[in-house]
Amino acid sequence: MKILAVGAHLDDIEIACGGTLAKAIENGHQVKVLIMSKSGYTNINGVVQRGNDVAVKEGTNALHVLGVHDIEILDFPTKDIPWHSDVVNAIDVCITDYNPDVIFTHHPFDTHQAHAGVSNATIAAARRRNTVFFYEPITPSGRSYVAFKPDLYVDIEQTLEKKLNSLREHKSEYNKFAGEDWVEGVRCRCGFRGYEIGKKFAEAFEVLRIEMDFSEGTKLIGR
Protein backbone atom coordinates (compact mmCIF):
# COMPACT_ATOMS: atom_id res chain seq x y z
CA MET A 1 0.00 0.00 0.00
CA LYS A 2 0.88 3.65 -0.35
CA ILE A 3 0.10 5.48 2.88
CA LEU A 4 -0.12 9.26 3.35
CA ALA A 5 -0.13 10.83 6.82
CA VAL A 6 -1.06 14.52 6.99
CA GLY A 7 -0.24 16.60 10.06
CA ALA A 8 -0.30 20.24 11.06
CA HIS A 9 3.02 20.09 12.91
CA LEU A 10 6.21 18.15 13.28
CA ASP A 11 5.46 15.74 16.18
CA ASP A 12 1.70 15.32 15.59
CA ILE A 13 2.09 12.23 13.46
CA GLU A 14 4.73 10.61 15.64
CA ILE A 15 2.50 10.99 18.71
CA ALA A 16 -0.66 9.70 17.05
CA CYS A 17 0.32 7.10 14.46
CA GLY A 18 4.09 6.68 14.60
CA GLY A 19 3.84 3.02 15.57
CA THR A 20 1.46 2.27 12.73
CA LEU A 21 3.66 3.98 10.14
CA ALA A 22 6.76 2.18 11.42
CA LYS A 23 4.92 -1.14 11.24
CA ALA A 24 3.74 -0.42 7.70
CA ILE A 25 7.30 0.34 6.60
CA GLU A 26 8.64 -2.81 8.24
CA ASN A 27 6.07 -4.78 6.24
CA GLY A 28 7.11 -3.30 2.92
CA HIS A 29 4.53 -0.54 2.44
CA GLN A 30 5.33 2.97 1.21
CA VAL A 31 4.79 5.89 3.58
CA LYS A 32 4.79 9.61 2.87
CA VAL A 33 4.32 12.35 5.45
CA LEU A 34 2.94 15.80 4.65
CA ILE A 35 3.49 18.44 7.34
CA MET A 36 1.65 21.71 6.80
CA SER A 37 3.98 24.01 8.78
CA LYS A 38 7.63 24.34 9.75
CA SER A 39 6.25 24.20 13.29
CA GLY A 40 8.19 26.94 15.07
CA TYR A 41 6.09 28.95 17.51
CA THR A 42 6.01 31.62 20.20
CA ASN A 43 4.29 31.61 23.58
CA ILE A 44 1.38 33.91 24.49
CA ASN A 45 3.87 36.69 25.24
CA GLY A 46 5.51 36.45 21.83
CA VAL A 47 8.68 34.76 23.08
CA VAL A 48 10.04 32.13 20.69
CA GLN A 49 9.59 28.69 22.20
CA ARG A 50 10.77 26.68 19.20
CA GLY A 51 12.38 28.04 16.06
CA ASN A 52 11.49 26.72 12.63
CA ASP A 53 15.01 25.43 12.04
CA VAL A 54 14.97 23.50 15.32
CA ALA A 55 11.51 22.09 14.65
CA VAL A 56 12.41 20.94 11.15
CA LYS A 57 15.66 19.31 12.31
CA GLU A 58 14.05 17.54 15.26
CA GLY A 59 10.99 16.50 13.26
CA THR A 60 13.03 15.11 10.40
CA ASN A 61 15.20 13.12 12.81
CA ALA A 62 12.08 11.80 14.55
CA LEU A 63 10.49 10.62 11.31
CA HIS A 64 13.73 8.96 10.29
CA VAL A 65 13.60 6.93 13.53
CA LEU A 66 10.25 5.57 12.32
CA GLY A 67 11.77 4.75 8.92
CA VAL A 68 9.99 7.59 7.11
CA HIS A 69 12.13 9.36 4.52
CA ASP A 70 9.51 10.72 2.11
CA ILE A 71 8.81 13.95 4.01
CA GLU A 72 7.21 17.12 2.63
CA ILE A 73 7.11 20.20 4.85
CA LEU A 74 5.04 23.22 3.82
CA ASP A 75 5.09 26.74 5.27
CA PHE A 76 1.61 27.60 6.52
CA PRO A 77 1.49 29.54 9.85
CA THR A 78 2.08 27.14 12.74
CA LYS A 79 -0.81 28.26 14.91
CA ASP A 80 -3.23 29.28 12.18
CA ILE A 81 -3.62 26.66 9.48
CA PRO A 82 -7.18 27.33 8.33
CA TRP A 83 -9.85 25.31 6.62
CA HIS A 84 -9.24 27.33 3.49
CA SER A 85 -8.97 26.69 -0.22
CA ASP A 86 -5.20 27.31 -0.18
CA VAL A 87 -4.70 24.54 2.36
CA VAL A 88 -7.14 22.23 0.57
CA ASN A 89 -5.31 22.83 -2.71
CA ALA A 90 -1.89 22.10 -1.18
CA ILE A 91 -3.10 18.79 0.22
CA ASP A 92 -4.95 18.00 -3.02
CA VAL A 93 -1.73 18.45 -5.01
CA CYS A 94 0.09 16.03 -2.70
CA ILE A 95 -2.71 13.46 -2.92
CA THR A 96 -2.84 13.74 -6.72
CA ASP A 97 0.92 13.37 -7.09
CA TYR A 98 1.40 10.59 -4.53
CA ASN A 99 -1.86 8.70 -5.20
CA PRO A 100 -2.19 7.05 -1.77
CA ASP A 101 -4.31 4.02 -0.90
CA VAL A 102 -4.79 5.14 2.71
CA ILE A 103 -4.82 8.62 4.29
CA PHE A 104 -4.37 9.47 7.98
CA THR A 105 -5.11 12.93 9.38
CA HIS A 106 -6.20 14.80 12.51
CA HIS A 107 -9.55 14.33 14.23
CA PRO A 108 -11.88 17.15 13.08
CA PHE A 109 -12.96 17.96 16.64
CA ASP A 110 -9.41 18.35 17.94
CA THR A 111 -9.34 21.47 20.14
CA HIS A 112 -6.16 22.81 18.51
CA GLN A 113 -7.35 25.17 15.81
CA ALA A 114 -4.57 24.23 13.39
CA HIS A 115 -5.26 20.51 13.84
CA ALA A 116 -8.96 21.02 13.16
CA GLY A 117 -8.20 23.16 10.12
CA VAL A 118 -5.88 20.53 8.65
CA SER A 119 -8.40 17.76 9.34
CA ASN A 120 -11.22 19.54 7.52
CA ALA A 121 -8.94 20.58 4.67
CA THR A 122 -7.79 16.96 4.30
CA ILE A 123 -11.40 15.75 4.26
CA ALA A 124 -12.10 18.18 1.43
CA ALA A 125 -8.93 17.33 -0.49
CA ALA A 126 -9.55 13.58 -0.09
CA ARG A 127 -13.16 13.75 -1.25
CA ARG A 128 -12.47 11.27 -4.06
CA ARG A 129 -10.48 8.88 -1.85
CA ASN A 130 -12.13 5.89 -0.27
CA THR A 131 -10.03 5.09 2.81
CA VAL A 132 -9.46 7.91 5.28
CA PHE A 133 -8.75 7.59 9.01
CA PHE A 134 -8.56 10.14 11.84
CA TYR A 135 -5.77 9.59 14.34
CA GLU A 136 -6.33 10.15 18.04
CA PRO A 137 -5.72 13.56 19.63
CA ILE A 138 -3.65 13.71 22.79
CA THR A 139 -4.34 15.85 25.86
CA PRO A 140 -4.93 18.77 25.86
CA SER A 141 -5.93 18.72 22.18
CA GLY A 142 -8.35 15.85 22.71
CA ARG A 143 -10.44 17.58 25.38
CA SER A 144 -13.29 18.45 23.04
CA TYR A 145 -17.07 18.50 23.21
CA VAL A 146 -17.09 15.74 20.57
CA ALA A 147 -15.10 12.72 21.67
CA PHE A 148 -12.75 10.63 19.53
CA LYS A 149 -14.42 7.30 18.72
CA PRO A 150 -11.97 4.43 18.13
CA ASP A 151 -13.08 2.20 15.24
CA LEU A 152 -9.83 0.70 13.96
CA TYR A 153 -6.90 -0.61 16.01
CA VAL A 154 -3.34 -1.44 14.97
CA ASP A 155 -1.16 -3.66 17.17
CA ILE A 156 2.13 -1.77 17.63
CA GLU A 157 3.88 -3.90 20.25
CA GLN A 158 6.83 -4.49 17.90
CA THR A 159 7.20 -0.81 16.95
CA LEU A 160 6.35 0.94 20.22
CA GLU A 161 9.98 1.68 21.06
CA LYS A 162 10.53 3.28 17.65
CA LYS A 163 7.51 5.48 18.30
CA LEU A 164 8.72 6.53 21.75
CA ASN A 165 12.28 7.09 20.56
CA SER A 166 10.97 9.29 17.77
CA LEU A 167 9.32 11.50 20.41
CA ARG A 168 12.62 11.82 22.24
CA GLU A 169 14.12 13.31 19.06
CA HIS A 170 11.83 16.31 19.61
CA LYS A 171 14.16 17.62 22.28
CA SER A 172 12.55 21.06 22.53
CA GLU A 173 9.08 19.52 22.94
CA TYR A 174 10.46 16.83 25.26
CA ASN A 175 11.76 19.53 27.60
CA LYS A 176 8.55 21.56 27.37
CA PHE A 177 6.30 18.61 28.21
CA ALA A 178 8.24 17.32 31.24
CA GLY A 179 10.47 14.85 29.43
CA GLU A 180 9.79 11.21 30.22
CA ASP A 181 6.42 12.08 31.74
CA TRP A 182 5.31 13.07 28.22
CA VAL A 183 6.71 9.89 26.69
CA GLU A 184 5.17 7.79 29.47
CA GLY A 185 1.77 9.40 28.86
CA VAL A 186 1.90 8.39 25.21
CA ARG A 187 3.07 4.88 26.14
CA CYS A 188 0.23 4.48 28.64
CA ARG A 189 -2.35 5.50 26.06
CA CYS A 190 -0.96 2.88 23.68
CA GLY A 191 -1.19 0.40 26.53
CA PHE A 192 -4.84 1.28 27.13
CA ARG A 193 -5.71 0.95 23.44
CA GLY A 194 -3.87 -2.36 23.35
CA TYR A 195 -5.82 -3.58 26.40
CA GLU A 196 -9.07 -2.82 24.56
CA ILE A 197 -8.19 -5.35 21.86
CA GLY A 198 -6.33 -7.93 23.92
CA LYS A 199 -2.84 -6.76 22.88
CA LYS A 200 -0.02 -5.10 24.81
CA PHE A 201 0.11 -1.86 22.81
CA ALA A 202 -1.99 -0.38 20.00
CA GLU A 203 -2.92 2.81 18.20
CA ALA A 204 -6.55 3.64 17.52
CA PHE A 205 -8.21 5.44 14.63
CA GLU A 206 -11.65 6.75 13.81
CA VAL A 207 -12.92 5.81 10.35
CA LEU A 208 -14.19 8.52 8.03
CA ARG A 209 -14.71 5.92 5.33
CA ILE A 210 -13.14 2.67 4.23
CA GLU A 211 -13.34 0.41 1.18
CA MET A 212 -12.44 -3.27 1.34
CA ASP A 213 -11.52 -5.66 -1.48
CA PHE A 214 -11.83 -9.43 -1.02
CA SER A 215 -10.50 -10.47 -4.43
CA GLU A 216 -6.92 -11.22 -3.30
CA GLY A 217 -7.36 -11.61 0.43
CA THR A 218 -8.76 -8.79 2.52
CA LYS A 219 -7.16 -5.43 1.87
CA LEU A 220 -8.00 -1.75 2.06
CA ILE A 221 -8.63 0.20 -1.12
CA GLY A 222 -8.26 3.94 -1.19
CA ARG A 223 -8.37 4.89 -4.85
C-alpha atoms as a PDB file:
ATOM      1  CA  MET A   1       0.000   0.000   0.000  1.00  0.00           C
ATOM      2  CA  LYS A   2       0.879   3.647  -0.355  1.00  0.00           C
ATOM      3  CA  ILE A   3       0.104   5.484   2.878  1.00  0.00           C
ATOM      4  CA  LEU A   4      -0.116   9.256   3.347  1.00  0.00           C
ATOM      5  CA  ALA A   5      -0.127  10.831   6.820  1.00  0.00           C
ATOM      6  CA  VAL A   6      -1.064  14.520   6.988  1.00  0.00           C
ATOM      7  CA  GLY A   7      -0.237  16.595  10.055  1.00  0.00           C
ATOM      8  CA  ALA A   8      -0.297  20.238  11.056  1.00  0.00           C
ATOM      9  CA  HIS A   9       3.023  20.086  12.912  1.00  0.00           C
ATOM     10  CA  LEU A  10       6.210  18.145  13.280  1.00  0.00           C
ATOM     11  CA  ASP A  11       5.463  15.743  16.185  1.00  0.00           C
ATOM     12  CA  ASP A  12       1.696  15.325  15.593  1.00  0.00           C
ATOM     13  CA  ILE A  13       2.089  12.228  13.457  1.00  0.00           C
ATOM     14  CA  GLU A  14       4.732  10.610  15.643  1.00  0.00           C
ATOM     15  CA  ILE A  15       2.500  10.985  18.714  1.00  0.00           C
ATOM     16  CA  ALA A  16      -0.660   9.699  17.048  1.00  0.00           C
ATOM     17  CA  CYS A  17       0.325   7.102  14.461  1.00  0.00           C
ATOM     18  CA  GLY A  18       4.089   6.677  14.603  1.00  0.00           C
ATOM     19  CA  GLY A  19       3.841   3.017  15.575  1.00  0.00           C
ATOM     20  CA  THR A  20       1.462   2.274  12.730  1.00  0.00           C
ATOM     21  CA  LEU A  21       3.664   3.976  10.141  1.00  0.00           C
ATOM     22  CA  ALA A  22       6.763   2.176  11.418  1.00  0.00           C
ATOM     23  CA  LYS A  23       4.920  -1.143  11.239  1.00  0.00           C
ATOM     24  CA  ALA A  24       3.738  -0.417   7.698  1.00  0.00           C
ATOM     25  CA  ILE A  25       7.296   0.340   6.599  1.00  0.00           C
ATOM     26  CA  GLU A  26       8.639  -2.811   8.245  1.00  0.00           C
ATOM     27  CA  ASN A  27       6.068  -4.778   6.242  1.00  0.00           C
ATOM     28  CA  GLY A  28       7.107  -3.296   2.922  1.00  0.00           C
ATOM     29  CA  HIS A  29       4.532  -0.540   2.443  1.00  0.00           C
ATOM     30  CA  GLN A  30       5.334   2.967   1.211  1.00  0.00           C
ATOM     31  CA  VAL A  31       4.792   5.891   3.577  1.00  0.00           C
ATOM     32  CA  LYS A  32       4.794   9.614   2.869  1.00  0.00           C
ATOM     33  CA  VAL A  33       4.325  12.350   5.451  1.00  0.00           C
ATOM     34  CA  LEU A  34       2.945  15.804   4.648  1.00  0.00           C
ATOM     35  CA  ILE A  35       3.491  18.439   7.342  1.00  0.00           C
ATOM     36  CA  MET A  36       1.647  21.707   6.802  1.00  0.00           C
ATOM     37  CA  SER A  37       3.983  24.005   8.778  1.00  0.00           C
ATOM     38  CA  LYS A  38       7.625  24.338   9.752  1.00  0.00           C
ATOM     39  CA  SER A  39       6.250  24.198  13.291  1.00  0.00           C
ATOM     40  CA  GLY A  40       8.193  26.936  15.066  1.00  0.00           C
ATOM     41  CA  TYR A  41       6.088  28.950  17.508  1.00  0.00           C
ATOM     42  CA  THR A  42       6.008  31.623  20.201  1.00  0.00           C
ATOM     43  CA  ASN A  43       4.289  31.612  23.577  1.00  0.00           C
ATOM     44  CA  ILE A  44       1.378  33.907  24.489  1.00  0.00           C
ATOM     45  CA  ASN A  45       3.871  36.693  25.245  1.00  0.00           C
ATOM     46  CA  GLY A  46       5.509  36.453  21.831  1.00  0.00           C
ATOM     47  CA  VAL A  47       8.679  34.755  23.081  1.00  0.00           C
ATOM     48  CA  VAL A  48      10.040  32.135  20.686  1.00  0.00           C
ATOM     49  CA  GLN A  49       9.594  28.689  22.198  1.00  0.00           C
ATOM     50  CA  ARG A  50      10.767  26.684  19.205  1.00  0.00           C
ATOM     51  CA  GLY A  51      12.382  28.039  16.062  1.00  0.00           C
ATOM     52  CA  ASN A  52      11.494  26.721  12.625  1.00  0.00           C
ATOM     53  CA  ASP A  53      15.009  25.429  12.044  1.00  0.00           C
ATOM     54  CA  VAL A  54      14.969  23.501  15.325  1.00  0.00           C
ATOM     55  CA  ALA A  55      11.507  22.086  14.652  1.00  0.00           C
ATOM     56  CA  VAL A  56      12.411  20.938  11.148  1.00  0.00           C
ATOM     57  CA  LYS A  57      15.656  19.306  12.311  1.00  0.00           C
ATOM     58  CA  GLU A  58      14.046  17.541  15.265  1.00  0.00           C
ATOM     59  CA  GLY A  59      10.988  16.502  13.265  1.00  0.00           C
ATOM     60  CA  THR A  60      13.033  15.114  10.399  1.00  0.00           C
ATOM     61  CA  ASN A  61      15.196  13.116  12.812  1.00  0.00           C
ATOM     62  CA  ALA A  62      12.078  11.801  14.552  1.00  0.00           C
ATOM     63  CA  LEU A  63      10.488  10.624  11.310  1.00  0.00           C
ATOM     64  CA  HIS A  64      13.735   8.957  10.285  1.00  0.00           C
ATOM     65  CA  VAL A  65      13.601   6.930  13.526  1.00  0.00           C
ATOM     66  CA  LEU A  66      10.248   5.572  12.317  1.00  0.00           C
ATOM     67  CA  GLY A  67      11.765   4.753   8.925  1.00  0.00           C
ATOM     68  CA  VAL A  68       9.987   7.586   7.106  1.00  0.00           C
ATOM     69  CA  HIS A  69      12.131   9.360   4.515  1.00  0.00           C
ATOM     70  CA  ASP A  70       9.507  10.719   2.112  1.00  0.00           C
ATOM     71  CA  ILE A  71       8.811  13.945   4.006  1.00  0.00           C
ATOM     72  CA  GLU A  72       7.209  17.118   2.631  1.00  0.00           C
ATOM     73  CA  ILE A  73       7.105  20.200   4.854  1.00  0.00           C
ATOM     74  CA  LEU A  74       5.038  23.224   3.818  1.00  0.00           C
ATOM     75  CA  ASP A  75       5.086  26.741   5.273  1.00  0.00           C
ATOM     76  CA  PHE A  76       1.615  27.595   6.521  1.00  0.00           C
ATOM     77  CA  PRO A  77       1.490  29.536   9.846  1.00  0.00           C
ATOM     78  CA  THR A  78       2.083  27.137  12.736  1.00  0.00           C
ATOM     79  CA  LYS A  79      -0.810  28.259  14.911  1.00  0.00           C
ATOM     80  CA  ASP A  80      -3.228  29.284  12.183  1.00  0.00           C
ATOM     81  CA  ILE A  81      -3.623  26.662   9.483  1.00  0.00           C
ATOM     82  CA  PRO A  82      -7.179  27.330   8.332  1.00  0.00           C
ATOM     83  CA  TRP A  83      -9.851  25.306   6.615  1.00  0.00           C
ATOM     84  CA  HIS A  84      -9.239  27.334   3.495  1.00  0.00           C
ATOM     85  CA  SER A  85      -8.966  26.690  -0.224  1.00  0.00           C
ATOM     86  CA  ASP A  86      -5.197  27.313  -0.182  1.00  0.00           C
ATOM     87  CA  VAL A  87      -4.699  24.541   2.364  1.00  0.00           C
ATOM     88  CA  VAL A  88      -7.136  22.229   0.574  1.00  0.00           C
ATOM     89  CA  ASN A  89      -5.310  22.827  -2.706  1.00  0.00           C
ATOM     90  CA  ALA A  90      -1.892  22.104  -1.181  1.00  0.00           C
ATOM     91  CA  ILE A  91      -3.103  18.789   0.220  1.00  0.00           C
ATOM     92  CA  ASP A  92      -4.948  18.002  -3.018  1.00  0.00           C
ATOM     93  CA  VAL A  93      -1.728  18.454  -5.007  1.00  0.00           C
ATOM     94  CA  CYS A  94       0.085  16.033  -2.698  1.00  0.00           C
ATOM     95  CA  ILE A  95      -2.710  13.464  -2.920  1.00  0.00           C
ATOM     96  CA  THR A  96      -2.844  13.743  -6.718  1.00  0.00           C
ATOM     97  CA  ASP A  97       0.922  13.369  -7.094  1.00  0.00           C
ATOM     98  CA  TYR A  98       1.403  10.591  -4.532  1.00  0.00           C
ATOM     99  CA  ASN A  99      -1.861   8.704  -5.199  1.00  0.00           C
ATOM    100  CA  PRO A 100      -2.191   7.047  -1.772  1.00  0.00           C
ATOM    101  CA  ASP A 101      -4.307   4.021  -0.901  1.00  0.00           C
ATOM    102  CA  VAL A 102      -4.785   5.144   2.712  1.00  0.00           C
ATOM    103  CA  ILE A 103      -4.818   8.617   4.290  1.00  0.00           C
ATOM    104  CA  PHE A 104      -4.370   9.469   7.975  1.00  0.00           C
ATOM    105  CA  THR A 105      -5.115  12.926   9.378  1.00  0.00           C
ATOM    106  CA  HIS A 106      -6.199  14.800  12.513  1.00  0.00           C
ATOM    107  CA  HIS A 107      -9.550  14.327  14.233  1.00  0.00           C
ATOM    108  CA  PRO A 108     -11.881  17.147  13.075  1.00  0.00           C
ATOM    109  CA  PHE A 109     -12.956  17.959  16.640  1.00  0.00           C
ATOM    110  CA  ASP A 110      -9.413  18.352  17.939  1.00  0.00           C
ATOM    111  CA  THR A 111      -9.341  21.469  20.137  1.00  0.00           C
ATOM    112  CA  HIS A 112      -6.161  22.806  18.515  1.00  0.00           C
ATOM    113  CA  GLN A 113      -7.349  25.174  15.814  1.00  0.00           C
ATOM    114  CA  ALA A 114      -4.566  24.234  13.394  1.00  0.00           C
ATOM    115  CA  HIS A 115      -5.256  20.514  13.842  1.00  0.00           C
ATOM    116  CA  ALA A 116      -8.963  21.017  13.156  1.00  0.00           C
ATOM    117  CA  GLY A 117      -8.196  23.156  10.117  1.00  0.00           C
ATOM    118  CA  VAL A 118      -5.884  20.527   8.649  1.00  0.00           C
ATOM    119  CA  SER A 119      -8.404  17.763   9.335  1.00  0.00           C
ATOM    120  CA  ASN A 120     -11.222  19.539   7.522  1.00  0.00           C
ATOM    121  CA  ALA A 121      -8.936  20.579   4.666  1.00  0.00           C
ATOM    122  CA  THR A 122      -7.793  16.957   4.296  1.00  0.00           C
ATOM    123  CA  ILE A 123     -11.403  15.748   4.262  1.00  0.00           C
ATOM    124  CA  ALA A 124     -12.097  18.184   1.430  1.00  0.00           C
ATOM    125  CA  ALA A 125      -8.926  17.329  -0.490  1.00  0.00           C
ATOM    126  CA  ALA A 126      -9.551  13.579  -0.090  1.00  0.00           C
ATOM    127  CA  ARG A 127     -13.163  13.754  -1.250  1.00  0.00           C
ATOM    128  CA  ARG A 128     -12.468  11.270  -4.063  1.00  0.00           C
ATOM    129  CA  ARG A 129     -10.476   8.878  -1.852  1.00  0.00           C
ATOM    130  CA  ASN A 130     -12.128   5.893  -0.266  1.00  0.00           C
ATOM    131  CA  THR A 131     -10.032   5.086   2.808  1.00  0.00           C
ATOM    132  CA  VAL A 132      -9.464   7.915   5.285  1.00  0.00           C
ATOM    133  CA  PHE A 133      -8.749   7.590   9.013  1.00  0.00           C
ATOM    134  CA  PHE A 134      -8.555  10.138  11.839  1.00  0.00           C
ATOM    135  CA  TYR A 135      -5.773   9.589  14.340  1.00  0.00           C
ATOM    136  CA  GLU A 136      -6.332  10.146  18.038  1.00  0.00           C
ATOM    137  CA  PRO A 137      -5.717  13.562  19.629  1.00  0.00           C
ATOM    138  CA  ILE A 138      -3.646  13.705  22.789  1.00  0.00           C
ATOM    139  CA  THR A 139      -4.337  15.854  25.863  1.00  0.00           C
ATOM    140  CA  PRO A 140      -4.931  18.768  25.863  1.00  0.00           C
ATOM    141  CA  SER A 141      -5.925  18.718  22.180  1.00  0.00           C
ATOM    142  CA  GLY A 142      -8.350  15.846  22.709  1.00  0.00           C
ATOM    143  CA  ARG A 143     -10.438  17.576  25.385  1.00  0.00           C
ATOM    144  CA  SER A 144     -13.286  18.454  23.036  1.00  0.00           C
ATOM    145  CA  TYR A 145     -17.068  18.503  23.215  1.00  0.00           C
ATOM    146  CA  VAL A 146     -17.090  15.739  20.565  1.00  0.00           C
ATOM    147  CA  ALA A 147     -15.096  12.716  21.669  1.00  0.00           C
ATOM    148  CA  PHE A 148     -12.748  10.631  19.528  1.00  0.00           C
ATOM    149  CA  LYS A 149     -14.424   7.296  18.721  1.00  0.00           C
ATOM    150  CA  PRO A 150     -11.970   4.429  18.130  1.00  0.00           C
ATOM    151  CA  ASP A 151     -13.078   2.203  15.244  1.00  0.00           C
ATOM    152  CA  LEU A 152      -9.835   0.700  13.963  1.00  0.00           C
ATOM    153  CA  TYR A 153      -6.899  -0.608  16.005  1.00  0.00           C
ATOM    154  CA  VAL A 154      -3.337  -1.441  14.969  1.00  0.00           C
ATOM    155  CA  ASP A 155      -1.157  -3.662  17.171  1.00  0.00           C
ATOM    156  CA  ILE A 156       2.131  -1.770  17.630  1.00  0.00           C
ATOM    157  CA  GLU A 157       3.880  -3.899  20.251  1.00  0.00           C
ATOM    158  CA  GLN A 158       6.828  -4.488  17.902  1.00  0.00           C
ATOM    159  CA  THR A 159       7.201  -0.807  16.952  1.00  0.00           C
ATOM    160  CA  LEU A 160       6.347   0.938  20.220  1.00  0.00           C
ATOM    161  CA  GLU A 161       9.981   1.681  21.055  1.00  0.00           C
ATOM    162  CA  LYS A 162      10.526   3.277  17.653  1.00  0.00           C
ATOM    163  CA  LYS A 163       7.509   5.480  18.299  1.00  0.00           C
ATOM    164  CA  LEU A 164       8.723   6.527  21.752  1.00  0.00           C
ATOM    165  CA  ASN A 165      12.283   7.086  20.556  1.00  0.00           C
ATOM    166  CA  SER A 166      10.968   9.286  17.771  1.00  0.00           C
ATOM    167  CA  LEU A 167       9.316  11.496  20.407  1.00  0.00           C
ATOM    168  CA  ARG A 168      12.625  11.822  22.236  1.00  0.00           C
ATOM    169  CA  GLU A 169      14.124  13.312  19.058  1.00  0.00           C
ATOM    170  CA  HIS A 170      11.829  16.311  19.605  1.00  0.00           C
ATOM    171  CA  LYS A 171      14.160  17.624  22.277  1.00  0.00           C
ATOM    172  CA  SER A 172      12.547  21.063  22.533  1.00  0.00           C
ATOM    173  CA  GLU A 173       9.084  19.521  22.945  1.00  0.00           C
ATOM    174  CA  TYR A 174      10.465  16.835  25.262  1.00  0.00           C
ATOM    175  CA  ASN A 175      11.760  19.525  27.603  1.00  0.00           C
ATOM    176  CA  LYS A 176       8.554  21.558  27.366  1.00  0.00           C
ATOM    177  CA  PHE A 177       6.301  18.609  28.211  1.00  0.00           C
ATOM    178  CA  ALA A 178       8.239  17.319  31.239  1.00  0.00           C
ATOM    179  CA  GLY A 179      10.466  14.847  29.427  1.00  0.00           C
ATOM    180  CA  GLU A 180       9.795  11.210  30.218  1.00  0.00           C
ATOM    181  CA  ASP A 181       6.420  12.078  31.737  1.00  0.00           C
ATOM    182  CA  TRP A 182       5.308  13.066  28.218  1.00  0.00           C
ATOM    183  CA  VAL A 183       6.710   9.887  26.694  1.00  0.00           C
ATOM    184  CA  GLU A 184       5.168   7.794  29.466  1.00  0.00           C
ATOM    185  CA  GLY A 185       1.772   9.404  28.864  1.00  0.00           C
ATOM    186  CA  VAL A 186       1.904   8.387  25.215  1.00  0.00           C
ATOM    187  CA  ARG A 187       3.073   4.878  26.141  1.00  0.00           C
ATOM    188  CA  CYS A 188       0.228   4.477  28.638  1.00  0.00           C
ATOM    189  CA  ARG A 189      -2.346   5.498  26.064  1.00  0.00           C
ATOM    190  CA  CYS A 190      -0.964   2.875  23.682  1.00  0.00           C
ATOM    191  CA  GLY A 191      -1.191   0.396  26.528  1.00  0.00           C
ATOM    192  CA  PHE A 192      -4.840   1.275  27.131  1.00  0.00           C
ATOM    193  CA  ARG A 193      -5.709   0.953  23.443  1.00  0.00           C
ATOM    194  CA  GLY A 194      -3.869  -2.357  23.354  1.00  0.00           C
ATOM    195  CA  TYR A 195      -5.817  -3.577  26.402  1.00  0.00           C
ATOM    196  CA  GLU A 196      -9.066  -2.817  24.560  1.00  0.00           C
ATOM    197  CA  ILE A 197      -8.189  -5.352  21.855  1.00  0.00           C
ATOM    198  CA  GLY A 198      -6.327  -7.926  23.918  1.00  0.00           C
ATOM    199  CA  LYS A 199      -2.842  -6.757  22.882  1.00  0.00           C
ATOM    200  CA  LYS A 200      -0.023  -5.101  24.806  1.00  0.00           C
ATOM    201  CA  PHE A 201       0.107  -1.864  22.809  1.00  0.00           C
ATOM    202  CA  ALA A 202      -1.989  -0.381  19.996  1.00  0.00           C
ATOM    203  CA  GLU A 203      -2.920   2.814  18.203  1.00  0.00           C
ATOM    204  CA  ALA A 204      -6.553   3.640  17.521  1.00  0.00           C
ATOM    205  CA  PHE A 205      -8.206   5.440  14.626  1.00  0.00           C
ATOM    206  CA  GLU A 206     -11.652   6.750  13.806  1.00  0.00           C
ATOM    207  CA  VAL A 207     -12.921   5.814  10.350  1.00  0.00           C
ATOM    208  CA  LEU A 208     -14.192   8.520   8.030  1.00  0.00           C
ATOM    209  CA  ARG A 209     -14.709   5.921   5.326  1.00  0.00           C
ATOM    210  CA  ILE A 210     -13.144   2.674   4.228  1.00  0.00           C
ATOM    211  CA  GLU A 211     -13.336   0.411   1.182  1.00  0.00           C
ATOM    212  CA  MET A 212     -12.435  -3.272   1.341  1.00  0.00           C
ATOM    213  CA  ASP A 213     -11.523  -5.656  -1.481  1.00  0.00           C
ATOM    214  CA  PHE A 214     -11.829  -9.426  -1.022  1.00  0.00           C
ATOM    215  CA  SER A 215     -10.501 -10.470  -4.432  1.00  0.00           C
ATOM    216  CA  GLU A 216      -6.917 -11.217  -3.295  1.00  0.00           C
ATOM    217  CA  GLY A 217      -7.364 -11.607   0.427  1.00  0.00           C
ATOM    218  CA  THR A 218      -8.757  -8.786   2.523  1.00  0.00           C
ATOM    219  CA  LYS A 219      -7.162  -5.430   1.868  1.00  0.00           C
ATOM    220  CA  LEU A 220      -7.997  -1.750   2.057  1.00  0.00           C
ATOM    221  CA  ILE A 221      -8.631   0.195  -1.120  1.00  0.00           C
ATOM    222  CA  GLY A 222      -8.255   3.943  -1.192  1.00  0.00           C
ATOM    223  CA  ARG A 223      -8.367   4.886  -4.849  1.00  0.00           C
END
